[in-house]
Every structure is written in C-alpha cells, then in structure tokens.
Amino acid sequence: MLVRDHIREVLFAKNIPNLHMHPAIYIHDDDKQYKDFWYMAFTERFDCWDRVNSNYEKESPPIRLGGSEFFSVYDYSLNCELLDKLPLEQRLLFEMGGEINGYTVCHESLAHLFRQDGKSGAELTLISDY
C-alpha cells in the first residue's frame, strides 16, 4: 500500500510495530511524477483471528511456508483474548497473519487517515462485514 507524506508522519509518530516505510515515486498515466508517497511494508504478521469463530477452509490442509501455516479465511472473528493481552498502541495497524491474503488491518481510530472522505482510493471494510 502506498501512503502520502501526511499519513506517513502520523503513522511514524505512532511507532507502529513491524511497519517500515520506503520512499516511492508514483508516475501517473500522463507521466507526471509524484514524489510524496511511501510504500508500507510489514516485517511480521500478527495472527489474531479466532480459529473457533471464524469461517475458514477446514477441509483441506493449510499451506505451509517457512514453518508457518496459512489458511483461506472467508469470515473473520478476532481472538479477543489475544488482543486483550496486547496494548492497543501495538495493534493499531498490522498485517493479518495465519491466512493467505495477509490483509492490512487498521484500528477504527486510524480509519479516517485512509478514508480521506472517500478521496484516497482506499477501500476499508469492517472485519464484521468481511
């Protein structure tokens, strides 16, 4: 995901765990270059989806890569017990672990940064609506 300078500054100030930002240049169709973008990359995923209450592919074995298992998840339910053990500041923004897609998950307190009143191009979906 690419973010603009002002979003990077907010995220940087929040000291998001495992998040690294790399400068990026966006080149529009008309060849105009925009140099105020940053590529977001996570060095680790946070596996916090509930295996009991989520709807996922249980019939076939998970994909195994590098000692980790990845499932196809259809509907998420979060593991509240695991989330409660981690301070909110450490789970404001992360990449979902233990599942194939590795979606970026943001806390509702950060959603406005990505929505930008519908002008950002980002599409946010509530976990309960996924």
Protein backbone atom coordinates (compact mmCIF):
# COMPACT_ATOMS: atom_id res chain seq x y z
CA MET A 1 0.00 0.00 0.00
CA LEU A 2 1.21 3.49 -0.83
CA VAL A 3 0.53 6.40 1.50
CA ARG A 4 1.24 10.11 1.22
CA ASP A 5 3.64 12.10 3.37
CA HIS A 6 0.98 13.34 5.81
CA ILE A 7 -0.21 9.78 6.55
CA ARG A 8 3.36 8.56 6.94
CA GLU A 9 4.03 11.28 9.50
CA VAL A 10 1.02 10.26 11.61
CA LEU A 11 1.91 6.56 11.45
CA PHE A 12 5.57 7.26 12.17
CA ALA A 13 4.59 9.21 15.31
CA LYS A 14 2.52 6.25 16.50
CA ASN A 15 5.56 3.93 16.32
CA ILE A 16 3.62 1.08 14.66
CA PRO A 17 5.37 -2.27 15.35
CA ASN A 18 6.89 -4.09 12.36
CA LEU A 19 5.99 -1.26 9.95
CA HIS A 20 8.63 0.07 7.61
CA MET A 21 8.16 2.87 5.10
CA HIS A 22 10.12 3.16 1.89
CA PRO A 23 10.06 6.19 -0.43
CA ALA A 24 8.14 5.66 -3.64
CA ILE A 25 7.54 7.67 -6.80
CA TYR A 26 4.10 7.41 -8.36
CA ILE A 27 4.06 8.03 -12.11
CA HIS A 28 0.63 8.95 -13.43
CA ASP A 29 -0.66 8.00 -16.89
CA ASP A 30 0.35 11.45 -18.14
CA ASP A 31 3.96 10.75 -16.97
CA LYS A 32 3.71 13.32 -14.17
CA GLN A 33 5.72 12.13 -11.15
CA TYR A 34 4.56 12.39 -7.55
CA LYS A 35 7.35 12.03 -5.03
CA ASP A 36 5.35 12.39 -1.81
CA PHE A 37 4.47 8.71 -1.50
CA TRP A 38 5.70 5.97 0.81
CA TYR A 39 5.38 2.21 0.43
CA MET A 40 4.20 0.49 3.62
CA ALA A 41 5.73 -2.90 4.38
CA PHE A 42 5.39 -5.09 7.44
CA THR A 43 8.28 -7.30 8.54
CA GLU A 44 5.98 -9.57 10.57
CA ARG A 45 2.33 -10.54 10.56
CA PHE A 46 0.07 -10.62 13.61
CA ASP A 47 -2.03 -13.81 13.73
CA CYS A 48 -5.07 -12.86 15.79
CA TRP A 49 -8.04 -14.43 14.05
CA ASP A 50 -10.13 -16.82 16.08
CA ARG A 51 -9.94 -20.41 14.79
CA VAL A 52 -13.19 -21.35 16.55
CA ASN A 53 -15.46 -18.49 15.46
CA SER A 54 -14.02 -17.65 12.02
CA ASN A 55 -15.24 -19.28 8.84
CA TYR A 56 -12.25 -20.76 7.01
CA GLU A 57 -11.24 -23.71 4.86
CA LYS A 58 -11.12 -26.59 7.33
CA GLU A 59 -11.43 -29.47 4.89
CA SER A 60 -8.10 -29.08 3.14
CA PRO A 61 -4.73 -28.71 4.85
CA PRO A 62 -3.25 -25.21 5.22
CA ILE A 63 -0.40 -24.03 3.03
CA ARG A 64 2.88 -24.45 4.88
CA LEU A 65 5.71 -22.00 4.19
CA GLY A 66 8.78 -21.35 6.29
CA GLY A 67 7.40 -23.17 9.30
CA SER A 68 4.12 -21.22 9.22
CA GLU A 69 0.61 -22.30 8.26
CA PHE A 70 -1.66 -20.18 6.08
CA PHE A 71 -5.41 -20.76 5.80
CA SER A 72 -8.09 -19.49 3.43
CA VAL A 73 -10.34 -17.39 5.64
CA TYR A 74 -13.84 -16.45 4.47
CA ASP A 75 -15.23 -14.61 7.51
CA TYR A 76 -13.09 -13.24 10.31
CA SER A 77 -13.69 -13.24 14.00
CA LEU A 78 -10.87 -11.85 16.08
CA ASN A 79 -9.35 -13.60 19.07
CA CYS A 80 -10.38 -11.17 21.84
CA GLU A 81 -8.31 -12.95 24.47
CA LEU A 82 -5.15 -12.50 22.40
CA LEU A 83 -5.98 -8.89 21.54
CA ASP A 84 -6.64 -8.02 25.17
CA LYS A 85 -3.11 -9.16 26.06
CA LEU A 86 -1.56 -6.66 23.65
CA PRO A 87 -1.82 -2.91 24.34
CA LEU A 88 -3.90 -1.04 21.77
CA GLU A 89 -0.88 1.05 20.70
CA GLN A 90 0.80 -2.15 19.49
CA ARG A 91 -2.14 -3.31 17.37
CA LEU A 92 -3.36 -0.13 15.69
CA LEU A 93 -2.13 -1.27 12.28
CA PHE A 94 -0.84 -4.68 11.24
CA GLU A 95 -0.81 -7.32 8.56
CA MET A 96 -3.05 -10.29 9.39
CA GLY A 97 -1.12 -13.48 9.97
CA GLY A 98 -2.03 -17.14 9.64
CA GLU A 99 -4.07 -16.59 6.50
CA ILE A 100 -3.24 -16.48 2.81
CA ASN A 101 -4.19 -12.90 1.91
CA GLY A 102 -2.29 -11.01 4.61
CA TYR A 103 -4.73 -8.12 4.65
CA THR A 104 -3.72 -4.89 6.35
CA VAL A 105 -5.87 -4.31 9.41
CA CYS A 106 -6.27 -0.89 11.00
CA HIS A 107 -7.97 0.13 14.21
CA GLU A 108 -11.03 2.33 13.84
CA SER A 109 -9.08 5.23 15.36
CA LEU A 110 -6.85 5.28 12.24
CA ALA A 111 -9.54 4.65 9.62
CA HIS A 112 -10.00 8.37 8.89
CA LEU A 113 -6.37 8.58 7.71
CA PHE A 114 -7.04 6.09 4.95
CA ARG A 115 -10.61 7.13 4.07
CA GLN A 116 -9.85 10.84 3.47
CA ASP A 117 -13.58 11.47 2.93
CA GLY A 118 -13.60 8.99 0.05
CA LYS A 119 -10.80 10.78 -1.85
CA SER A 120 -7.94 8.40 -1.05
CA GLY A 121 -8.75 5.43 -3.23
CA ALA A 122 -8.55 3.16 -0.18
CA GLU A 123 -11.35 0.73 0.44
CA LEU A 124 -11.93 -0.14 4.09
CA THR A 125 -14.13 -3.00 5.21
CA LEU A 126 -15.19 -3.66 8.77
CA ILE A 127 -14.00 -7.05 9.93
CA SER A 128 -17.57 -7.82 10.95
CA ASP A 129 -18.68 -7.13 7.34
CA TYR A 130 -15.90 -9.14 5.67
